[in-house]
């Protein structure tokens, strides 16, 4: 039986690390994937050296997404602080204006320009009487 190991907690890694020492061969399979072969012939595939795979392998939280997330969090935090006396307790939805601003800033940072919608296009996209 083969085992795939990812996302090891710090305490578990200490134990697992001792086990790794008994591997007779460690072969890199591809970037951030190692095959460990033990004296019994059993194999363990270690992903991202046991670290949080979605972060190490850049699959879970790429910077291109996180910058927008942080932008939304920052601008919404600013909005909440400035409008705290007008808001009710509870969840505050991201305002369309703030969401759009983050999107436009992201596009601008990438050198991408978009056309401004005409009133008719805006109504079509945001309306419910036309379109799908």
Protein backbone atom coordinates (compact mmCIF):
# COMPACT_ATOMS: atom_id res chain seq x y z
CA UNK A 1 0.00 0.00 0.00
CA UNK A 2 1.26 3.49 -0.84
CA UNK A 3 0.58 6.50 1.36
CA UNK A 4 0.35 10.17 0.43
CA UNK A 5 1.25 12.58 3.24
CA UNK A 6 0.34 16.28 3.28
CA UNK A 7 -0.49 18.98 5.81
CA UNK A 8 1.26 17.59 8.87
CA UNK A 9 0.80 19.40 12.16
CA UNK A 10 3.97 20.48 13.94
CA UNK A 11 3.69 17.78 16.61
CA UNK A 12 2.92 15.08 14.05
CA UNK A 13 5.84 16.17 11.90
CA UNK A 14 8.32 15.52 14.70
CA UNK A 15 7.16 11.89 14.86
CA UNK A 16 6.96 11.58 11.09
CA UNK A 17 10.46 13.05 10.71
CA UNK A 18 11.89 10.23 12.82
CA UNK A 19 10.13 7.77 10.54
CA UNK A 20 11.56 9.53 7.46
CA UNK A 21 15.07 8.81 8.69
CA UNK A 22 14.44 5.10 8.16
CA UNK A 23 13.72 5.55 4.43
CA UNK A 24 16.39 3.83 2.35
CA UNK A 25 15.79 6.05 -0.64
CA UNK A 26 14.18 9.43 -1.28
CA UNK A 27 13.42 10.18 -4.91
CA UNK A 28 12.12 13.51 -6.17
CA UNK A 29 9.11 12.76 -8.37
CA UNK A 30 8.36 16.33 -9.39
CA UNK A 31 8.42 19.75 -7.79
CA UNK A 32 7.34 19.41 -4.12
CA UNK A 33 6.67 15.66 -4.42
CA UNK A 34 9.07 13.07 -3.01
CA UNK A 35 8.82 9.29 -2.99
CA UNK A 36 10.25 7.71 0.14
CA UNK A 37 11.06 4.01 -0.10
CA UNK A 38 11.38 2.03 3.12
CA UNK A 39 13.25 -1.25 3.78
CA UNK A 40 9.94 -3.15 3.58
CA UNK A 41 9.44 -1.85 0.03
CA UNK A 42 6.53 0.31 1.09
CA UNK A 43 6.42 3.80 -0.36
CA UNK A 44 5.28 7.11 1.05
CA UNK A 45 4.68 10.13 -1.16
CA UNK A 46 5.44 13.32 0.70
CA UNK A 47 3.87 16.48 -0.68
CA UNK A 48 5.34 19.90 0.09
CA UNK A 49 7.60 18.34 2.76
CA UNK A 50 4.49 17.88 4.92
CA UNK A 51 3.73 21.58 5.09
CA UNK A 52 0.40 23.18 4.27
CA UNK A 53 0.21 21.92 0.72
CA UNK A 54 -2.25 24.51 -0.56
CA UNK A 55 0.19 27.26 0.44
CA UNK A 56 3.47 25.60 -0.50
CA UNK A 57 2.19 24.28 -3.81
CA UNK A 58 0.62 27.66 -4.63
CA UNK A 59 -2.66 26.07 -5.49
CA UNK A 60 -4.82 27.21 -2.61
CA UNK A 61 -4.13 30.89 -2.23
CA UNK A 62 -2.23 32.37 -5.15
CA UNK A 63 -1.02 35.93 -4.64
CA UNK A 64 -3.13 37.04 -7.60
CA UNK A 65 -6.24 36.21 -5.59
CA UNK A 66 -5.06 37.12 -2.12
CA UNK A 67 -4.19 40.69 -3.09
CA UNK A 68 -7.81 41.24 -4.07
CA UNK A 69 -9.02 39.61 -0.87
CA UNK A 70 -6.79 41.85 1.23
CA UNK A 71 -7.91 44.86 -0.80
CA UNK A 72 -11.56 44.07 -0.11
CA UNK A 73 -10.85 43.50 3.58
CA UNK A 74 -8.95 46.79 3.87
CA UNK A 75 -11.52 48.92 2.07
CA UNK A 76 -14.43 47.31 3.92
CA UNK A 77 -12.65 47.85 7.24
CA UNK A 78 -12.22 51.50 6.36
CA UNK A 79 -15.91 51.73 5.37
CA UNK A 80 -17.05 50.11 8.62
CA UNK A 81 -14.88 52.42 10.76
CA UNK A 82 -16.13 55.51 8.94
CA UNK A 83 -19.78 54.41 9.06
CA UNK A 84 -19.94 52.56 12.39
CA UNK A 85 -22.63 54.83 13.79
CA UNK A 86 -24.92 54.18 10.80
CA UNK A 87 -24.52 50.39 10.68
CA UNK A 88 -26.53 47.77 12.52
CA UNK A 89 -24.82 44.97 14.42
CA UNK A 90 -24.15 41.91 12.32
CA UNK A 91 -22.66 41.06 8.97
CA UNK A 92 -21.91 43.86 6.53
CA UNK A 93 -22.05 42.91 2.88
CA UNK A 94 -19.31 44.13 0.58
CA UNK A 95 -20.63 47.18 -1.22
CA UNK A 96 -20.78 46.93 -5.01
CA UNK A 97 -18.79 50.17 -5.24
CA UNK A 98 -15.96 48.72 -3.15
CA UNK A 99 -16.03 45.40 -4.97
CA UNK A 100 -15.88 47.20 -8.32
CA UNK A 101 -13.10 49.49 -7.11
CA UNK A 102 -10.93 46.51 -6.11
CA UNK A 103 -11.62 44.87 -9.45
CA UNK A 104 -10.73 48.01 -11.40
CA UNK A 105 -7.55 48.51 -9.35
CA UNK A 106 -6.54 44.91 -10.03
CA UNK A 107 -7.09 45.31 -13.75
CA UNK A 108 -5.19 48.60 -13.74
CA UNK A 109 -2.25 46.96 -11.94
CA UNK A 110 -2.18 44.36 -14.71
CA UNK A 111 -2.24 47.02 -17.41
CA UNK A 112 -5.74 46.06 -18.51
CA UNK A 113 -8.29 48.69 -19.42
CA UNK A 114 -11.99 48.03 -19.83
CA UNK A 115 -14.74 50.03 -21.42
CA UNK A 116 -17.28 51.82 -19.27
CA UNK A 117 -20.77 50.38 -19.65
CA UNK A 118 -23.43 52.48 -21.26
CA UNK A 119 -26.58 53.00 -19.20
CA UNK A 120 -28.42 50.51 -21.44
CA UNK A 121 -25.69 47.86 -20.95
CA UNK A 122 -25.67 48.42 -17.19
CA UNK A 123 -29.46 48.07 -16.97
CA UNK A 124 -29.37 44.90 -19.07
CA UNK A 125 -26.70 43.28 -16.91
CA UNK A 126 -28.25 44.30 -13.58
CA UNK A 127 -31.89 44.04 -14.54
CA UNK A 128 -34.12 41.02 -14.27
CA UNK A 129 -36.59 41.77 -17.08
CA UNK A 130 -34.16 41.04 -19.92
CA UNK A 131 -31.46 38.47 -20.45
CA UNK A 132 -30.95 35.11 -18.87
